[in-house]
Amino acid sequence: MDVSEWKVRLRAELRERRDAAAEALEPMSLALAFRTAPTPLKALLQQAQCVAGYVAMGSEADPLRLLEEAAAAGTIVALPYVE
């Protein structure tokens, strides 16, 4: 198996694990997750000039509120450009 094939398989396996972990969470836990940044992360966001983020897909953790907090603190928020 070459490296490319190995990466594809590994990503698929990790995506399945993430999906299973997300499905195992209680609805209230999901609602509270990433609602606000934990204190240590807030401190880092407030000190940063620029942070990078992503738009969540599927069971990925949604960083939108964290990115909103960073933007509200005057931090530049960078997202990838995808065509």
PDB file of N, CA and C in Angstrom:
ATOM      1  N   MET A   1       0.859  -1.176   0.000  1.00  0.00           N
ATOM      2  CA  MET A   1       0.000   0.000   0.000  1.00  0.00           C
ATOM      3  C   MET A   1       0.904   1.238   0.000  1.00  0.00           C
ATOM      4  N   ASP A   2       0.630   2.168  -0.904  1.00  0.00           N
ATOM      5  CA  ASP A   2       1.430   3.393  -0.944  1.00  0.00           C
ATOM      6  C   ASP A   2       0.888   4.400   0.070  1.00  0.00           C
ATOM      7  N   VAL A   3       1.618   5.478   0.259  1.00  0.00           N
ATOM      8  CA  VAL A   3       1.277   6.479   1.273  1.00  0.00           C
ATOM      9  C   VAL A   3      -0.080   7.123   0.983  1.00  0.00           C
ATOM     10  N   SER A   4      -0.375   7.415  -0.276  1.00  0.00           N
ATOM     11  CA  SER A   4      -1.651   8.050  -0.621  1.00  0.00           C
ATOM     12  C   SER A   4      -2.825   7.173  -0.219  1.00  0.00           C
ATOM     13  N   GLU A   5      -2.746   5.910  -0.542  1.00  0.00           N
ATOM     14  CA  GLU A   5      -3.824   4.970  -0.199  1.00  0.00           C
ATOM     15  C   GLU A   5      -3.948   4.835   1.314  1.00  0.00           C
ATOM     16  N   TRP A   6      -2.812   4.789   1.995  1.00  0.00           N
ATOM     17  CA  TRP A   6      -2.808   4.675   3.451  1.00  0.00           C
ATOM     18  C   TRP A   6      -3.497   5.894   4.068  1.00  0.00           C
ATOM     19  N   LYS A   7      -3.196   7.093   3.556  1.00  0.00           N
ATOM     20  CA  LYS A   7      -3.825   8.310   4.088  1.00  0.00           C
ATOM     21  C   LYS A   7      -5.337   8.290   3.882  1.00  0.00           C
ATOM     22  N   VAL A   8      -5.784   7.843   2.721  1.00  0.00           N
ATOM     23  CA  VAL A   8      -7.222   7.777   2.445  1.00  0.00           C
ATOM     24  C   VAL A   8      -7.893   6.838   3.436  1.00  0.00           C
ATOM     25  N   ARG A   9      -7.295   5.684   3.652  1.00  0.00           N
ATOM     26  CA  ARG A   9      -7.867   4.711   4.601  1.00  0.00           C
ATOM     27  C   ARG A   9      -7.863   5.250   6.025  1.00  0.00           C
ATOM     28  N   LEU A  10      -6.759   5.885   6.417  1.00  0.00           N
ATOM     29  CA  LEU A  10      -6.659   6.430   7.768  1.00  0.00           C
ATOM     30  C   LEU A  10      -7.702   7.524   7.984  1.00  0.00           C
ATOM     31  N   ARG A  11      -7.856   8.436   7.025  1.00  0.00           N
ATOM     32  CA  ARG A  11      -8.862   9.493   7.151  1.00  0.00           C
ATOM     33  C   ARG A  11     -10.263   8.900   7.293  1.00  0.00           C
ATOM     34  N   ALA A  12     -10.575   7.882   6.498  1.00  0.00           N
ATOM     35  CA  ALA A  12     -11.892   7.247   6.576  1.00  0.00           C
ATOM     36  C   ALA A  12     -12.109   6.627   7.957  1.00  0.00           C
ATOM     37  N   GLU A  13     -11.091   5.955   8.469  1.00  0.00           N
ATOM     38  CA  GLU A  13     -11.206   5.328   9.793  1.00  0.00           C
ATOM     39  C   GLU A  13     -11.402   6.388  10.874  1.00  0.00           C
ATOM     40  N   LEU A  14     -10.628   7.468  10.816  1.00  0.00           N
ATOM     41  CA  LEU A  14     -10.751   8.521  11.823  1.00  0.00           C
ATOM     42  C   LEU A  14     -12.094   9.241  11.725  1.00  0.00           C
ATOM     43  N   ARG A  15     -12.593   9.410  10.515  1.00  0.00           N
ATOM     44  CA  ARG A  15     -13.915  10.027  10.330  1.00  0.00           C
ATOM     45  C   ARG A  15     -14.992   9.144  10.959  1.00  0.00           C
ATOM     46  N   GLU A  16     -14.888   7.833  10.779  1.00  0.00           N
ATOM     47  CA  GLU A  16     -15.854   6.907  11.390  1.00  0.00           C
ATOM     48  C   GLU A  16     -15.801   6.999  12.913  1.00  0.00           C
ATOM     49  N   ARG A  17     -14.606   7.068  13.463  1.00  0.00           N
ATOM     50  CA  ARG A  17     -14.462   7.185  14.922  1.00  0.00           C
ATOM     51  C   ARG A  17     -15.080   8.491  15.424  1.00  0.00           C
ATOM     52  N   ARG A  18     -14.800   9.594  14.696  1.00  0.00           N
ATOM     53  CA  ARG A  18     -15.353  10.890  15.092  1.00  0.00           C
ATOM     54  C   ARG A  18     -16.874  10.859  15.034  1.00  0.00           C
ATOM     55  N   ASP A  19     -17.433  10.283  13.977  1.00  0.00           N
ATOM     56  CA  ASP A  19     -18.884  10.181  13.837  1.00  0.00           C
ATOM     57  C   ASP A  19     -19.485   9.401  15.007  1.00  0.00           C
ATOM     58  N   ALA A  20     -18.841   8.291  15.360  1.00  0.00           N
ATOM     59  CA  ALA A  20     -19.330   7.460  16.467  1.00  0.00           C
ATOM     60  C   ALA A  20     -19.267   8.223  17.791  1.00  0.00           C
ATOM     61  N   ALA A  21     -18.197   8.965  17.997  1.00  0.00           N
ATOM     62  CA  ALA A  21     -18.064   9.738  19.242  1.00  0.00           C
ATOM     63  C   ALA A  21     -19.132  10.822  19.305  1.00  0.00           C
ATOM     64  N   ALA A  22     -19.403  11.480  18.198  1.00  0.00           N
ATOM     65  CA  ALA A  22     -20.427  12.529  18.169  1.00  0.00           C
ATOM     66  C   ALA A  22     -21.811  11.941  18.422  1.00  0.00           C
ATOM     67  N   GLU A  23     -22.081  10.773  17.856  1.00  0.00           N
ATOM     68  CA  GLU A  23     -23.389  10.131  18.057  1.00  0.00           C
ATOM     69  C   GLU A  23     -23.586   9.674  19.495  1.00  0.00           C
ATOM     70  N   ALA A  24     -22.482   9.395  20.200  1.00  0.00           N
ATOM     71  CA  ALA A  24     -22.562   8.918  21.576  1.00  0.00           C
ATOM     72  C   ALA A  24     -22.835  10.041  22.573  1.00  0.00           C
ATOM     73  N   LEU A  25     -22.635  11.279  22.171  1.00  0.00           N
ATOM     74  CA  LEU A  25     -22.861  12.407  23.078  1.00  0.00           C
ATOM     75  C   LEU A  25     -24.347  12.649  23.294  1.00  0.00           C
ATOM     76  N   GLU A  26     -24.681  13.077  24.494  1.00  0.00           N
ATOM     77  CA  GLU A  26     -26.061  13.445  24.798  1.00  0.00           C
ATOM     78  C   GLU A  26     -26.378  14.760  24.089  1.00  0.00           C
ATOM     79  N   PRO A  27     -27.634  14.977  23.721  1.00  0.00           N
ATOM     80  CA  PRO A  27     -28.005  16.222  23.030  1.00  0.00           C
ATOM     81  C   PRO A  27     -27.579  17.490  23.781  1.00  0.00           C
ATOM     82  N   MET A  28     -27.691  17.489  25.106  1.00  0.00           N
ATOM     83  CA  MET A  28     -27.307  18.670  25.880  1.00  0.00           C
ATOM     84  C   MET A  28     -25.806  18.919  25.777  1.00  0.00           C
ATOM     85  N   SER A  29     -25.023  17.854  25.793  1.00  0.00           N
ATOM     86  CA  SER A  29     -23.577  18.005  25.647  1.00  0.00           C
ATOM     87  C   SER A  29     -23.234  18.604  24.294  1.00  0.00           C
ATOM     88  N   LEU A  30     -23.913  18.134  23.259  1.00  0.00           N
ATOM     89  CA  LEU A  30     -23.682  18.678  21.919  1.00  0.00           C
ATOM     90  C   LEU A  30     -24.053  20.154  21.856  1.00  0.00           C
ATOM     91  N   ALA A  31     -25.145  20.517  22.514  1.00  0.00           N
ATOM     92  CA  ALA A  31     -25.601  21.914  22.495  1.00  0.00           C
ATOM     93  C   ALA A  31     -24.607  22.830  23.202  1.00  0.00           C
ATOM     94  N   LEU A  32     -23.952  22.327  24.239  1.00  0.00           N
ATOM     95  CA  LEU A  32     -23.025  23.144  25.015  1.00  0.00           C
ATOM     96  C   LEU A  32     -21.610  23.161  24.441  1.00  0.00           C
ATOM     97  N   ALA A  33     -21.273  22.147  23.667  1.00  0.00           N
ATOM     98  CA  ALA A  33     -19.915  22.047  23.131  1.00  0.00           C
ATOM     99  C   ALA A  33     -19.608  23.251  22.254  1.00  0.00           C
ATOM    100  N   PHE A  34     -18.469  23.847  22.479  1.00  0.00           N
ATOM    101  CA  PHE A  34     -17.987  24.984  21.702  1.00  0.00           C
ATOM    102  C   PHE A  34     -18.904  26.208  21.777  1.00  0.00           C
ATOM    103  N   ARG A  35     -19.742  26.251  22.799  1.00  0.00           N
ATOM    104  CA  ARG A  35     -20.623  27.413  22.955  1.00  0.00           C
ATOM    105  C   ARG A  35     -19.805  28.661  23.251  1.00  0.00           C
ATOM    106  N   THR A  36     -18.778  28.480  24.040  1.00  0.00           N
ATOM    107  CA  THR A  36     -17.846  29.559  24.337  1.00  0.00           C
ATOM    108  C   THR A  36     -16.467  28.940  24.534  1.00  0.00           C
ATOM    109  N   ALA A  37     -15.459  29.726  24.306  1.00  0.00           N
ATOM    110  CA  ALA A  37     -14.096  29.217  24.433  1.00  0.00           C
ATOM    111  C   ALA A  37     -13.743  28.972  25.894  1.00  0.00           C
ATOM    112  N   PRO A  38     -13.040  27.873  26.189  1.00  0.00           N
ATOM    113  CA  PRO A  38     -12.536  27.671  27.550  1.00  0.00           C
ATOM    114  C   PRO A  38     -11.575  28.821  27.901  1.00  0.00           C
ATOM    115  N   THR A  39     -11.455  29.143  29.164  1.00  0.00           N
ATOM    116  CA  THR A  39     -10.650  30.284  29.605  1.00  0.00           C
ATOM    117  C   THR A  39      -9.242  30.306  29.023  1.00  0.00           C
ATOM    118  N   PRO A  40      -8.482  29.198  29.048  1.00  0.00           N
ATOM    119  CA  PRO A  40      -7.130  29.266  28.465  1.00  0.00           C
ATOM    120  C   PRO A  40      -7.149  29.608  26.972  1.00  0.00           C
ATOM    121  N   LEU A  41      -8.133  29.091  26.255  1.00  0.00           N
ATOM    122  CA  LEU A  41      -8.234  29.373  24.821  1.00  0.00           C
ATOM    123  C   LEU A  41      -8.661  30.823  24.596  1.00  0.00           C
ATOM    124  N   LYS A  42      -9.554  31.330  25.435  1.00  0.00           N
ATOM    125  CA  LYS A  42      -9.964  32.740  25.330  1.00  0.00           C
ATOM    126  C   LYS A  42      -8.759  33.656  25.441  1.00  0.00           C
ATOM    127  N   ALA A  43      -7.893  33.350  26.391  1.00  0.00           N
ATOM    128  CA  ALA A  43      -6.691  34.172  26.585  1.00  0.00           C
ATOM    129  C   ALA A  43      -5.823  34.142  25.334  1.00  0.00           C
ATOM    130  N   LEU A  44      -5.673  32.988  24.733  1.00  0.00           N
ATOM    131  CA  LEU A  44      -4.876  32.877  23.505  1.00  0.00           C
ATOM    132  C   LEU A  44      -5.532  33.635  22.354  1.00  0.00           C
ATOM    133  N   LEU A  45      -6.862  33.510  22.241  1.00  0.00           N
ATOM    134  CA  LEU A  45      -7.575  34.206  21.174  1.00  0.00           C
ATOM    135  C   LEU A  45      -7.442  35.722  21.316  1.00  0.00           C
ATOM    136  N   GLN A  46      -7.473  36.204  22.542  1.00  0.00           N
ATOM    137  CA  GLN A  46      -7.384  37.645  22.774  1.00  0.00           C
ATOM    138  C   GLN A  46      -5.996  38.185  22.470  1.00  0.00           C
ATOM    139  N   GLN A  47      -4.973  37.337  22.589  1.00  0.00           N
ATOM    140  CA  GLN A  47      -3.599  37.770  22.322  1.00  0.00           C
ATOM    141  C   GLN A  47      -3.233  37.634  20.845  1.00  0.00           C
ATOM    142  N   ALA A  48      -3.965  36.815  20.123  1.00  0.00           N
ATOM    143  CA  ALA A  48      -3.603  36.518  18.735  1.00  0.00           C
ATOM    144  C   ALA A  48      -3.934  37.677  17.806  1.00  0.00           C
ATOM    145  N   GLN A  49      -3.116  37.866  16.787  1.00  0.00           N
ATOM    146  CA  GLN A  49      -3.408  38.847  15.745  1.00  0.00           C
ATOM    147  C   GLN A  49      -4.290  38.221  14.675  1.00  0.00           C
ATOM    148  N   CYS A  50      -4.123  36.904  14.458  1.00  0.00           N
ATOM    149  CA  CYS A  50      -4.859  36.200  13.410  1.00  0.00           C
ATOM    150  C   CYS A  50      -5.050  34.745  13.833  1.00  0.00           C
ATOM    151  N   VAL A  51      -6.235  34.215  13.603  1.00  0.00           N
ATOM    152  CA  VAL A  51      -6.486  32.790  13.847  1.00  0.00           C
ATOM    153  C   VAL A  51      -7.085  32.188  12.576  1.00  0.00           C
ATOM    154  N   ALA A  52      -6.826  30.922  12.368  1.00  0.00           N
ATOM    155  CA  ALA A  52      -7.378  30.212  11.215  1.00  0.00           C
ATOM    156  C   ALA A  52      -8.484  29.294  11.694  1.00  0.00           C
ATOM    157  N   GLY A  53      -9.492  29.123  10.871  1.00  0.00           N
ATOM    158  CA  GLY A  53     -10.597  28.245  11.216  1.00  0.00           C
ATOM    159  C   GLY A  53     -11.074  27.498   9.992  1.00  0.00           C
ATOM    160  N   TYR A  54     -12.226  26.882  10.126  1.00  0.00           N
ATOM    161  CA  TYR A  54     -12.816  26.122   9.034  1.00  0.00           C
ATOM    162  C   TYR A  54     -14.317  26.105   9.211  1.00  0.00           C
ATOM    163  N   VAL A  55     -15.021  25.763   8.174  1.00  0.00           N
ATOM    164  CA  VAL A  55     -16.460  25.572   8.250  1.00  0.00           C
ATOM    165  C   VAL A  55     -16.682  24.082   8.471  1.00  0.00           C
ATOM    166  N   ALA A  56     -17.334  23.741   9.560  1.00  0.00           N
ATOM    167  CA  ALA A  56     -17.519  22.335   9.923  1.00  0.00           C
ATOM    168  C   ALA A  56     -18.423  21.616   8.929  1.00  0.00           C
ATOM    169  N   MET A  57     -18.110  20.351   8.724  1.00  0.00           N
ATOM    170  CA  MET A  57     -18.923  19.483   7.870  1.00  0.00           C
ATOM    171  C   MET A  57     -19.200  18.195   8.631  1.00  0.00           C
ATOM    172  N   GLY A  58     -20.413  17.696   8.497  1.00  0.00           N
ATOM    173  CA  GLY A  58     -20.747  16.426   9.145  1.00  0.00           C
ATOM    174  C   GLY A  58     -20.602  16.516  10.647  1.00  0.00           C
ATOM    175  N   SER A  59     -19.869  15.586  11.229  1.00  0.00           N
ATOM    176  CA  SER A  59     -19.727  15.528  12.685  1.00  0.00           C
ATOM    177  C   SER A  59     -18.517  16.299  13.193  1.00  0.00           C
ATOM    178  N   GLU A  60     -17.879  17.100  12.340  1.00  0.00           N
ATOM    179  CA  GLU A  60     -16.741  17.899  12.795  1.00  0.00           C
ATOM    180  C   GLU A  60     -17.199  18.895  13.860  1.00  0.00           C
ATOM    181  N   ALA A  61     -16.318  19.172  14.794  1.00  0.00           N
ATOM    182  CA  ALA A  61     -16.602  20.191  15.798  1.00  0.00           C
ATOM    183  C   ALA A  61     -16.747  21.533  15.098  1.00  0.00           C
ATOM    184  N   ASP A  62     -17.787  22.263  15.425  1.00  0.00           N
ATOM    185  CA  ASP A  62     -18.057  23.531  14.771  1.00  0.00           C
ATOM    186  C   ASP A  62     -17.384  24.668  15.545  1.00  0.00           C
ATOM    187  N   PRO A  63     -16.365  25.286  14.966  1.00  0.00           N
ATOM    188  CA  PRO A  63     -15.650  26.355  15.661  1.00  0.00           C
ATOM    189  C   PRO A  63     -16.256  27.747  15.468  1.00  0.00           C
ATOM    190  N   LEU A  64     -17.457  27.840  14.889  1.00  0.00           N
ATOM    191  CA  LEU A  64     -18.032  29.137  14.540  1.00  0.00           C
ATOM    192  C   LEU A  64     -18.077  30.101  15.723  1.00  0.00           C
ATOM    193  N   ARG A  65     -18.564  29.653  16.852  1.00  0.00           N
ATOM    194  CA  ARG A  65     -18.662  30.569  18.011  1.00  0.00           C
ATOM    195  C   ARG A  65     -17.292  31.007  18.494  1.00  0.00           C
ATOM    196  N   LEU A  66     -16.318  30.102  18.423  1.00  0.00           N
ATOM    197  CA  LEU A  66     -14.959  30.477  18.818  1.00  0.00           C
ATOM    198  C   LEU A  66     -14.400  31.525  17.864  1.00  0.00           C
ATOM    199  N   LEU A  67     -14.676  31.348  16.571  1.00  0.00           N
ATOM    200  CA  LEU A  67     -14.215  32.310  15.579  1.00  0.00           C
ATOM    201  C   LEU A  67     -14.923  33.649  15.757  1.00  0.00           C
ATOM    202  N   GLU A  68     -16.207  33.611  16.119  1.00  0.00           N
ATOM    203  CA  GLU A  68     -16.946  34.843  16.389  1.00  0.00           C
ATOM    204  C   GLU A  68     -16.352  35.589  17.577  1.00  0.00           C
ATOM    205  N   GLU A  69     -15.971  34.840  18.624  1.00  0.00           N
ATOM    206  CA  GLU A  69     -15.348  35.470  19.793  1.00  0.00           C
ATOM    207  C   GLU A  69     -14.028  36.119  19.412  1.00  0.00           C
ATOM    208  N   ALA A  70     -13.255  35.407  18.583  1.00  0.00           N
ATOM    209  CA  ALA A  70     -11.968  35.961  18.146  1.00  0.00           C
ATOM    210  C   ALA A  70     -12.196  37.244  17.351  1.00  0.00           C
ATOM    211  N   ALA A  71     -13.151  37.230  16.434  1.00  0.00           N
ATOM    212  CA  ALA A  71     -13.440  38.415  15.625  1.00  0.00           C
ATOM    213  C   ALA A  71     -13.923  39.568  16.501  1.00  0.00           C
ATOM    214  N   ALA A  72     -14.756  39.267  17.493  1.00  0.00           N
ATOM    215  CA  ALA A  72     -15.262  40.299  18.397  1.00  0.00           C
ATOM    216  C   ALA A  72     -14.137  40.936  19.203  1.00  0.00           C
ATOM    217  N   ALA A  73     -13.071  40.161  19.435  1.00  0.00           N
ATOM    218  CA  ALA A  73     -11.923  40.681  20.181  1.00  0.00           C
ATOM    219  C   ALA A  73     -10.960  41.437  19.258  1.00  0.00           C
ATOM    220  N   GLY A  74     -11.322  41.553  17.962  1.00  0.00           N
ATOM    221  CA  GLY A  74     -10.479  42.286  17.029  1.00  0.00           C
ATOM    222  C   GLY A  74      -9.440  41.439  16.322  1.00  0.00           C
ATOM    223  N   THR A  75      -9.522  40.140  16.492  1.00  0.00           N
ATOM    224  CA  THR A  75      -8.577  39.228  15.864  1.00  0.00           C
ATOM    225  C   THR A  75      -9.007  38.962  14.423  1.00  0.00           C
ATOM    226  N   ILE A  76      -8.057  38.919  13.519  1.00  0.00           N
ATOM    227  CA  ILE A  76      -8.348  38.570  12.133  1.00  0.00           C
ATOM    228  C   ILE A  76      -8.659  37.081  12.080  1.00  0.00           C
ATOM    229  N   VAL A  77      -9.753  36.724  11.420  1.00  0.00           N
ATOM    230  CA  VAL A  77     -10.142  35.317  11.279  1.00  0.00           C
ATOM    231  C   VAL A  77      -9.939  34.912   9.820  1.00  0.00           C
ATOM    232  N   ALA A  78      -9.141  33.882   9.600  1.00  0.00           N
ATOM    233  CA  ALA A  78      -8.844  33.404   8.252  1.00  0.00           C
ATOM    234  C   ALA A  78      -9.507  32.059   8.021  1.00  0.00           C
ATOM    235  N   LEU A  79     -10.169  31.938   6.872  1.00  0.00           N
ATOM    236  CA  LEU A  79     -10.800  30.686   6.475  1.00  0.00           C
ATOM    237  C   LEU A  79     -10.207  30.252   5.134  1.00  0.00           C
ATOM    238  N   PRO A  80     -10.137  28.944   4.891  1.00  0.00           N
ATOM    239  CA  PRO A  80      -9.604  28.492   3.599  1.00  0.00           C
ATOM    240  C   PRO A  80     -10.559  28.847   2.454  1.00  0.00           C
ATOM    241  N   TYR A  81      -9.989  29.052   1.299  1.00  0.00           N
ATOM    242  CA  TYR A  81     -10.761  29.320   0.093  1.00  0.00           C
ATOM    243  C   TYR A  81     -10.836  28.024  -0.715  1.00  0.00           C
ATOM    244  N   VAL A  82     -12.045  27.583  -1.010  1.00  0.00           N
ATOM    245  CA  VAL A  82     -12.240  26.349  -1.761  1.00  0.00           C
ATOM    246  C   VAL A  82     -13.139  26.642  -2.938  1.00  0.00           C
ATOM    247  N   GLU A  83     -12.727  26.229  -4.115  1.00  0.00           N
ATOM    248  CA  GLU A  83     -13.559  26.416  -5.309  1.00  0.00           C
ATOM    249  C   GLU A  83     -14.404  25.197  -5.545  1.00  0.00           C
TER     250      GLU A  83
END
